[in-house]
C-alpha atoms as a PDB file:
ATOM      1  CA  UNK A   1       8.518   9.123   5.056  1.00  0.00           C
ATOM      2  CA  UNK A   2      12.035   7.755   5.461  1.00  0.00           C
ATOM      3  CA  UNK A   3      12.873   4.289   4.163  1.00  0.00           C
ATOM      4  CA  UNK A   4      15.818   2.325   5.516  1.00  0.00           C
ATOM      5  CA  UNK A   5      16.551  -0.342   2.887  1.00  0.00           C
ATOM      6  CA  UNK A   6      18.190  -3.212   4.769  1.00  0.00           C
ATOM      7  CA  UNK A   7      18.365  -6.271   2.506  1.00  0.00           C
ATOM      8  CA  UNK A   8      18.170  -7.538  -1.074  1.00  0.00           C
ATOM      9  CA  UNK A   9      16.960 -11.034  -1.958  1.00  0.00           C
ATOM     10  CA  UNK A  10      17.349 -12.757  -5.322  1.00  0.00           C
ATOM     11  CA  UNK A  11      15.289 -15.743  -6.489  1.00  0.00           C
ATOM     12  CA  UNK A  12      15.823 -18.166  -9.373  1.00  0.00           C
ATOM     13  CA  UNK A  13      14.654 -21.602 -10.470  1.00  0.00           C
ATOM     14  CA  UNK A  14      17.625 -23.965 -10.107  1.00  0.00           C
ATOM     15  CA  UNK A  15      17.221 -27.602 -11.200  1.00  0.00           C
ATOM     16  CA  UNK A  16      13.458 -27.270 -11.012  1.00  0.00           C
ATOM     17  CA  UNK A  17      13.460 -25.737  -7.513  1.00  0.00           C
ATOM     18  CA  UNK A  18      12.813 -22.073  -6.762  1.00  0.00           C
ATOM     19  CA  UNK A  19      15.591 -20.805  -4.488  1.00  0.00           C
ATOM     20  CA  UNK A  20      15.946 -17.423  -2.771  1.00  0.00           C
ATOM     21  CA  UNK A  21      19.285 -16.150  -1.489  1.00  0.00           C
ATOM     22  CA  UNK A  22      20.251 -12.942   0.332  1.00  0.00           C
ATOM     23  CA  UNK A  23      22.676 -10.606  -1.402  1.00  0.00           C
ATOM     24  CA  UNK A  24      25.593 -10.479   1.033  1.00  0.00           C
ATOM     25  CA  UNK A  25      27.082  -7.511  -0.811  1.00  0.00           C
ATOM     26  CA  UNK A  26      24.012  -5.297  -0.448  1.00  0.00           C
ATOM     27  CA  UNK A  27      24.789  -1.921   1.123  1.00  0.00           C
ATOM     28  CA  UNK A  28      21.942  -0.591   3.327  1.00  0.00           C
ATOM     29  CA  UNK A  29      20.629   2.799   2.248  1.00  0.00           C
ATOM     30  CA  UNK A  30      18.260   5.412   3.655  1.00  0.00           C
ATOM     31  CA  UNK A  31      16.169   7.615   1.379  1.00  0.00           C
ATOM     32  CA  UNK A  32      13.136   9.889   1.472  1.00  0.00           C
ATOM     33  CA  UNK A  33       9.913   8.509   0.048  1.00  0.00           C
ATOM     34  CA  UNK A  34       6.708  10.412  -0.673  1.00  0.00           C
ATOM     35  CA  UNK A  35       3.317   8.953  -1.569  1.00  0.00           C
ATOM     36  CA  UNK A  36      -0.201  10.264  -2.086  1.00  0.00           C
ATOM     37  CA  UNK A  37      -3.658   8.904  -2.833  1.00  0.00           C
ATOM     38  CA  UNK A  38      -7.110  10.298  -3.488  1.00  0.00           C
ATOM     39  CA  UNK A  39      -9.357  10.275  -0.416  1.00  0.00           C
ATOM     40  CA  UNK A  40     -12.333  11.159  -2.613  1.00  0.00           C
ATOM     41  CA  UNK A  41     -12.171   7.936  -4.601  1.00  0.00           C
ATOM     42  CA  UNK A  42     -12.812   5.124  -2.163  1.00  0.00           C
ATOM     43  CA  UNK A  43     -14.737   1.894  -1.914  1.00  0.00           C
ATOM     44  CA  UNK A  44     -15.483   0.670   1.599  1.00  0.00           C
ATOM     45  CA  UNK A  45     -16.812  -2.866   1.627  1.00  0.00           C
ATOM     46  CA  UNK A  46     -17.412  -5.909   3.788  1.00  0.00           C
ATOM     47  CA  UNK A  47     -15.716  -9.195   3.028  1.00  0.00           C
ATOM     48  CA  UNK A  48     -17.064 -11.786   5.482  1.00  0.00           C
ATOM     49  CA  UNK A  49     -16.417 -14.636   3.050  1.00  0.00           C
ATOM     50  CA  UNK A  50     -12.642 -14.180   3.306  1.00  0.00           C
ATOM     51  CA  UNK A  51     -12.452 -15.770   6.733  1.00  0.00           C
ATOM     52  CA  UNK A  52     -14.337 -18.403   8.691  1.00  0.00           C
ATOM     53  CA  UNK A  53     -13.056 -17.144  12.041  1.00  0.00           C
ATOM     54  CA  UNK A  54     -13.035 -13.347  11.624  1.00  0.00           C
ATOM     55  CA  UNK A  55     -15.372 -10.528  10.716  1.00  0.00           C
ATOM     56  CA  UNK A  56     -13.553  -8.460   8.067  1.00  0.00           C
ATOM     57  CA  UNK A  57     -14.098  -4.941   6.770  1.00  0.00           C
ATOM     58  CA  UNK A  58     -11.912  -3.375   4.090  1.00  0.00           C
ATOM     59  CA  UNK A  59     -11.635  -0.382   1.807  1.00  0.00           C
ATOM     60  CA  UNK A  60      -9.586   1.061  -1.033  1.00  0.00           C
ATOM     61  CA  UNK A  61      -8.587   4.626  -1.918  1.00  0.00           C
ATOM     62  CA  UNK A  62      -7.603   4.683  -5.572  1.00  0.00           C
ATOM     63  CA  UNK A  63      -5.187   6.919  -7.437  1.00  0.00           C
ATOM     64  CA  UNK A  64      -2.097   6.055  -5.405  1.00  0.00           C
ATOM     65  CA  UNK A  65       1.269   7.326  -6.662  1.00  0.00           C
ATOM     66  CA  UNK A  66       4.710   7.518  -5.071  1.00  0.00           C
ATOM     67  CA  UNK A  67       8.215   8.723  -5.803  1.00  0.00           C
ATOM     68  CA  UNK A  68      10.773   6.262  -7.215  1.00  0.00           C
ATOM     69  CA  UNK A  69      13.485   4.883  -4.973  1.00  0.00           C
ATOM     70  CA  UNK A  70      17.240   4.627  -5.612  1.00  0.00           C
ATOM     71  CA  UNK A  71      16.575   1.033  -6.758  1.00  0.00           C
ATOM     72  CA  UNK A  72      13.655   1.625  -9.128  1.00  0.00           C
ATOM     73  CA  UNK A  73      15.620   2.146 -12.351  1.00  0.00           C
ATOM     74  CA  UNK A  74      17.822  -0.924 -11.884  1.00  0.00           C
ATOM     75  CA  UNK A  75      14.891  -3.176 -10.942  1.00  0.00           C
ATOM     76  CA  UNK A  76      12.816  -2.140 -13.953  1.00  0.00           C
ATOM     77  CA  UNK A  77      15.874  -2.553 -16.191  1.00  0.00           C
ATOM     78  CA  UNK A  78      15.962  -6.210 -15.116  1.00  0.00           C
ATOM     79  CA  UNK A  79      13.034  -6.845 -17.472  1.00  0.00           C
ATOM     80  CA  UNK A  80      14.235  -8.723 -20.581  1.00  0.00           C
ATOM     81  CA  UNK A  81      11.880  -6.655 -22.731  1.00  0.00           C
ATOM     82  CA  UNK A  82      10.704  -3.064 -22.743  1.00  0.00           C
ATOM     83  CA  UNK A  83       7.570  -2.224 -20.797  1.00  0.00           C
ATOM     84  CA  UNK A  84       4.957  -2.584 -23.526  1.00  0.00           C
ATOM     85  CA  UNK A  85       1.228  -3.071 -23.003  1.00  0.00           C
ATOM     86  CA  UNK A  86       1.756  -2.534 -19.304  1.00  0.00           C
ATOM     87  CA  UNK A  87      -1.031  -1.833 -16.845  1.00  0.00           C
ATOM     88  CA  UNK A  88      -0.359   0.612 -14.028  1.00  0.00           C
ATOM     89  CA  UNK A  89      -1.988   0.348 -10.633  1.00  0.00           C
ATOM     90  CA  UNK A  90      -1.821   2.339  -7.438  1.00  0.00           C
ATOM     91  CA  UNK A  91      -3.953   2.478  -4.312  1.00  0.00           C
ATOM     92  CA  UNK A  92      -4.040   2.786  -0.547  1.00  0.00           C
ATOM     93  CA  UNK A  93      -6.120   0.187   1.250  1.00  0.00           C
ATOM     94  CA  UNK A  94      -6.854  -1.367   4.611  1.00  0.00           C
ATOM     95  CA  UNK A  95      -8.135  -4.628   6.083  1.00  0.00           C
ATOM     96  CA  UNK A  96      -9.762  -4.684   9.519  1.00  0.00           C
ATOM     97  CA  UNK A  97     -10.448  -7.969  11.294  1.00  0.00           C
ATOM     98  CA  UNK A  98     -11.858  -9.024  14.643  1.00  0.00           C
ATOM     99  CA  UNK A  99     -12.735 -12.586  15.782  1.00  0.00           C
ATOM    100  CA  UNK A 100     -16.380 -13.506  15.293  1.00  0.00           C
ATOM    101  CA  UNK A 101     -16.419 -14.627  18.918  1.00  0.00           C
ATOM    102  CA  UNK A 102     -15.770 -11.077  20.193  1.00  0.00           C
ATOM    103  CA  UNK A 103     -18.736  -9.625  22.089  1.00  0.00           C
ATOM    104  CA  UNK A 104     -19.549  -6.519  24.095  1.00  0.00           C
ATOM    105  CA  UNK A 105     -18.767  -8.510  27.244  1.00  0.00           C
ATOM    106  CA  UNK A 106     -15.587 -10.031  25.783  1.00  0.00           C
ATOM    107  CA  UNK A 107     -14.276  -7.644  23.084  1.00  0.00           C
ATOM    108  CA  UNK A 108     -11.142  -8.351  21.034  1.00  0.00           C
ATOM    109  CA  UNK A 109      -8.453  -6.098  19.579  1.00  0.00           C
ATOM    110  CA  UNK A 110      -8.926  -5.107  15.939  1.00  0.00           C
ATOM    111  CA  UNK A 111      -6.183  -6.227  13.564  1.00  0.00           C
ATOM    112  CA  UNK A 112      -5.451  -3.220  11.318  1.00  0.00           C
ATOM    113  CA  UNK A 113      -3.571  -4.042   8.118  1.00  0.00           C
ATOM    114  CA  UNK A 114      -2.736  -1.064   5.883  1.00  0.00           C
ATOM    115  CA  UNK A 115      -1.251  -1.091   2.370  1.00  0.00           C
ATOM    116  CA  UNK A 116       0.037   1.585   0.001  1.00  0.00           C
ATOM    117  CA  UNK A 117       1.219   0.169  -3.310  1.00  0.00           C
ATOM    118  CA  UNK A 118       2.039   1.193  -6.863  1.00  0.00           C
ATOM    119  CA  UNK A 119       3.270  -0.911  -9.738  1.00  0.00           C
ATOM    120  CA  UNK A 120       3.043  -2.234 -13.249  1.00  0.00           C
ATOM    121  CA  UNK A 121       2.284  -5.656 -14.611  1.00  0.00           C
ATOM    122  CA  UNK A 122       2.447  -6.916 -18.161  1.00  0.00           C
ATOM    123  CA  UNK A 123       2.861 -10.022 -20.317  1.00  0.00           C
ATOM    124  CA  UNK A 124       5.735 -10.581 -22.703  1.00  0.00           C
ATOM    125  CA  UNK A 125       7.292 -13.382 -24.689  1.00  0.00           C
ATOM    126  CA  UNK A 126       9.399 -14.146 -21.623  1.00  0.00           C
ATOM    127  CA  UNK A 127       6.385 -14.621 -19.356  1.00  0.00           C
ATOM    128  CA  UNK A 128       4.343 -12.677 -16.853  1.00  0.00           C
ATOM    129  CA  UNK A 129       6.214  -9.695 -15.417  1.00  0.00           C
ATOM    130  CA  UNK A 130       5.486  -7.252 -12.637  1.00  0.00           C
ATOM    131  CA  UNK A 131       7.223  -4.466 -10.781  1.00  0.00           C
ATOM    132  CA  UNK A 132       5.968  -2.788  -7.628  1.00  0.00           C
ATOM    133  CA  UNK A 133       6.722  -0.693  -4.569  1.00  0.00           C
ATOM    134  CA  UNK A 134       4.684  -1.034  -1.403  1.00  0.00           C
ATOM    135  CA  UNK A 135       4.514   0.077   2.203  1.00  0.00           C
ATOM    136  CA  UNK A 136       2.418  -2.072   4.531  1.00  0.00           C
ATOM    137  CA  UNK A 137       2.076  -2.727   8.236  1.00  0.00           C
ATOM    138  CA  UNK A 138      -0.191  -4.310  10.842  1.00  0.00           C
ATOM    139  CA  UNK A 139      -1.174  -2.760  14.169  1.00  0.00           C
ATOM    140  CA  UNK A 140      -3.658  -3.635  16.890  1.00  0.00           C
ATOM    141  CA  UNK A 141      -6.629  -1.345  17.477  1.00  0.00           C
ATOM    142  CA  UNK A 142      -8.870  -0.937  20.500  1.00  0.00           C
ATOM    143  CA  UNK A 143     -10.900  -4.007  21.583  1.00  0.00           C
ATOM    144  CA  UNK A 144     -14.465  -4.050  20.239  1.00  0.00           C
ATOM    145  CA  UNK A 145     -17.285  -6.495  19.653  1.00  0.00           C
ATOM    146  CA  UNK A 146     -17.451  -8.160  16.237  1.00  0.00           C
ATOM    147  CA  UNK A 147     -20.863  -6.605  15.658  1.00  0.00           C
ATOM    148  CA  UNK A 148     -19.370  -3.114  16.084  1.00  0.00           C
ATOM    149  CA  UNK A 149     -16.707  -3.424  13.366  1.00  0.00           C
ATOM    150  CA  UNK A 150     -17.284  -0.904  10.563  1.00  0.00           C
ATOM    151  CA  UNK A 151     -15.169   0.310   7.619  1.00  0.00           C
ATOM    152  CA  UNK A 152     -12.985   3.363   8.133  1.00  0.00           C
ATOM    153  CA  UNK A 153     -14.039   6.751   6.842  1.00  0.00           C
ATOM    154  CA  UNK A 154     -11.377   8.767   4.963  1.00  0.00           C
ATOM    155  CA  UNK A 155     -10.785  10.804   8.130  1.00  0.00           C
ATOM    156  CA  UNK A 156     -10.272   7.637  10.196  1.00  0.00           C
ATOM    157  CA  UNK A 157      -7.872   6.264   7.584  1.00  0.00           C
ATOM    158  CA  UNK A 158      -5.783   9.454   7.709  1.00  0.00           C
ATOM    159  CA  UNK A 159      -5.936   9.492  11.517  1.00  0.00           C
ATOM    160  CA  UNK A 160      -4.427   5.996  11.549  1.00  0.00           C
ATOM    161  CA  UNK A 161      -1.485   7.213   9.461  1.00  0.00           C
ATOM    162  CA  UNK A 162      -1.048  10.258  11.689  1.00  0.00           C
ATOM    163  CA  UNK A 163      -1.005   8.109  14.829  1.00  0.00           C
ATOM    164  CA  UNK A 164       2.130   6.383  13.518  1.00  0.00           C
ATOM    165  CA  UNK A 165       4.168   9.518  12.738  1.00  0.00           C
ATOM    166  CA  UNK A 166       7.670   9.154  14.173  1.00  0.00           C
ATOM    167  CA  UNK A 167       7.407   5.416  14.768  1.00  0.00           C
ATOM    168  CA  UNK A 168       9.607   2.818  13.029  1.00  0.00           C
ATOM    169  CA  UNK A 169       7.557   0.267  11.071  1.00  0.00           C
ATOM    170  CA  UNK A 170       9.806  -2.789  10.875  1.00  0.00           C
ATOM    171  CA  UNK A 171       9.872  -4.509   7.491  1.00  0.00           C
ATOM    172  CA  UNK A 172       7.171  -2.231   6.076  1.00  0.00           C
ATOM    173  CA  UNK A 173       8.892  -1.476   2.741  1.00  0.00           C
ATOM    174  CA  UNK A 174       9.180  -3.804  -0.237  1.00  0.00           C
ATOM    175  CA  UNK A 175      10.198  -3.116  -3.825  1.00  0.00           C
ATOM    176  CA  UNK A 176      10.547  -5.905  -6.350  1.00  0.00           C
ATOM    177  CA  UNK A 177      10.676  -7.104  -9.937  1.00  0.00           C
ATOM    178  CA  UNK A 178       9.269 -10.538 -10.728  1.00  0.00           C
ATOM    179  CA  UNK A 179       9.280 -12.630 -13.918  1.00  0.00           C
ATOM    180  CA  UNK A 180       7.512 -15.962 -14.146  1.00  0.00           C
ATOM    181  CA  UNK A 181       6.786 -18.257 -17.085  1.00  0.00           C
ATOM    182  CA  UNK A 182       3.581 -19.173 -15.257  1.00  0.00           C
ATOM    183  CA  UNK A 183       0.590 -16.852 -15.217  1.00  0.00           C
ATOM    184  CA  UNK A 184      -0.668 -15.762 -11.772  1.00  0.00           C
ATOM    185  CA  UNK A 185      -4.087 -16.935 -12.929  1.00  0.00           C
ATOM    186  CA  UNK A 186      -2.896 -20.511 -13.441  1.00  0.00           C
ATOM    187  CA  UNK A 187      -4.373 -21.617 -10.110  1.00  0.00           C
ATOM    188  CA  UNK A 188      -7.915 -20.621 -11.103  1.00  0.00           C
ATOM    189  CA  UNK A 189     -10.271 -23.542 -11.498  1.00  0.00           C
ATOM    190  CA  UNK A 190      -8.859 -25.514  -8.578  1.00  0.00           C
ATOM    191  CA  UNK A 191      -6.178 -27.239 -10.643  1.00  0.00           C
ATOM    192  CA  UNK A 192      -2.607 -27.078  -9.368  1.00  0.00           C
ATOM    193  CA  UNK A 193      -0.329 -26.300 -12.325  1.00  0.00           C
ATOM    194  CA  UNK A 194       3.220 -27.609 -12.696  1.00  0.00           C
ATOM    195  CA  UNK A 195       5.949 -25.383 -11.230  1.00  0.00           C
ATOM    196  CA  UNK A 196       7.183 -22.607 -13.527  1.00  0.00           C
ATOM    197  CA  UNK A 197      10.216 -23.378 -15.653  1.00  0.00           C
ATOM    198  CA  UNK A 198      11.345 -19.802 -15.157  1.00  0.00           C
ATOM    199  CA  UNK A 199      10.948 -17.607 -12.101  1.00  0.00           C
ATOM    200  CA  UNK A 200      13.255 -14.675 -11.415  1.00  0.00           C
ATOM    201  CA  UNK A 201      12.750 -12.226  -8.567  1.00  0.00           C
ATOM    202  CA  UNK A 202      14.709  -9.376  -7.037  1.00  0.00           C
ATOM    203  CA  UNK A 203      13.303  -7.810  -3.865  1.00  0.00           C
ATOM    204  CA  UNK A 204      14.420  -4.952  -1.616  1.00  0.00           C
ATOM    205  CA  UNK A 205      13.192  -4.945   2.002  1.00  0.00           C
ATOM    206  CA  UNK A 206      13.399  -2.237   4.635  1.00  0.00           C
ATOM    207  CA  UNK A 207      11.916  -0.311   7.542  1.00  0.00           C
ATOM    208  CA  UNK A 208       9.821   2.858   7.324  1.00  0.00           C
ATOM    209  CA  UNK A 209       9.450   5.954   9.499  1.00  0.00           C
ATOM    210  CA  UNK A 210       6.465   8.165   8.646  1.00  0.00           C
ATOM    211  CA  UNK A 211       7.584  11.788   9.031  1.00  0.00           C
ATOM    212  CA  UNK A 212       4.393  13.671   8.211  1.00  0.00           C
ATOM    213  CA  UNK A 213       0.854  13.180   6.908  1.00  0.00           C
ATOM    214  CA  UNK A 214      -0.857  16.057   5.104  1.00  0.00           C
ATOM    215  CA  UNK A 215      -4.391  16.339   3.749  1.00  0.00           C
ATOM    216  CA  UNK A 216      -4.487  18.658   0.729  1.00  0.00           C
ATOM    217  CA  UNK A 217      -7.875  20.292   0.012  1.00  0.00           C
ATOM    218  CA  UNK A 218      -9.367  19.971  -3.456  1.00  0.00           C
ATOM    219  CA  UNK A 219      -9.352  23.073  -5.750  1.00  0.00           C
ATOM    220  CA  UNK A 220     -13.049  23.615  -5.020  1.00  0.00           C
ATOM    221  CA  UNK A 221     -12.217  23.769  -1.312  1.00  0.00           C
ATOM    222  CA  UNK A 222      -9.581  26.413  -1.969  1.00  0.00           C
ATOM    223  CA  UNK A 223     -12.180  28.415  -3.928  1.00  0.00           C
ATOM    224  CA  UNK A 224     -14.616  28.315  -1.021  1.00  0.00           C
ATOM    225  CA  UNK A 225     -11.850  29.332   1.372  1.00  0.00           C
ATOM    226  CA  UNK A 226     -10.981  32.274  -0.893  1.00  0.00           C
ATOM    227  CA  UNK A 227     -14.595  33.396  -1.056  1.00  0.00           C
ATOM    228  CA  UNK A 228     -14.850  33.184   2.724  1.00  0.00           C
ATOM    229  CA  UNK A 229     -11.735  35.309   3.231  1.00  0.00           C
ATOM    230  CA  UNK A 230     -13.068  37.879   0.737  1.00  0.00           C
ATOM    231  CA  UNK A 231     -16.335  38.168   2.654  1.00  0.00           C
ATOM    232  CA  UNK A 232     -14.445  38.652   5.913  1.00  0.00           C
ATOM    233  CA  UNK A 233     -12.416  41.458   4.319  1.00  0.00           C
ATOM    234  CA  UNK A 234     -15.584  43.185   3.051  1.00  0.00           C
ATOM    235  CA  UNK A 235     -17.216  43.021   6.495  1.00  0.00           C
ATOM    236  CA  UNK A 236     -14.117  44.455   8.169  1.00  0.00           C
ATOM    237  CA  UNK A 237     -13.951  47.367   5.717  1.00  0.00           C
ATOM    238  CA  UNK A 238     -17.599  48.179   6.338  1.00  0.00           C
ATOM    239  CA  UNK A 239     -17.050  48.104  10.092  1.00  0.00           C
ATOM    240  CA  UNK A 240     -14.055  50.408   9.786  1.00  0.00           C
ATOM    241  CA  UNK A 241     -16.052  52.802   7.554  1.00  0.00           C
ATOM    242  CA  UNK A 242     -18.862  52.955  10.116  1.00  0.00           C
END
């Protein structure tokens, strides 16, 4: 895919208030970006508890990786400490939603939210740190009844990507480094914690154009293909000999 990086935002805590400003000196840049994920490692699931008004189906394909961008090295170097005890994550996922009120007589369009993200997160003496790159977008699918909503199969997930080849996905790219003195788990338990005394963030935003989507067979599939071609060759030789 092609990424058109368009803006850079910088956030800091100033006098107790978190403030984000656009970098007026940022020079837009276009670069090629490749990503892959494992269609064999997935977990389709239902999540009706996430919404009172919608029926939701979602799924994750693990093992996501992607190429670095021209900004990756500088963003990671923003970390005040080296990346120690870091945890890496990468996946491709989707979230489908349709209003619970949708019926066969009055169907509603499916909201299709797709994510592809990779990143690291770790704790240090400075606080909680994380770096990540992601591509995400939302499209509208065909109208259906809420009772007909089902998770995507791997083939349907790939077909969705392929349907967007050549289109510009506005604001689909984000790459950022974030440092906060407050843990992301501080909100657990229903207690609102005080604002962090430190919160630094640098984020790159841009548009995406998907150029191609390729499904690569597993090695076992290649083996079966090779065996099949060998059998065809044997049959042809026998026919020629006869």
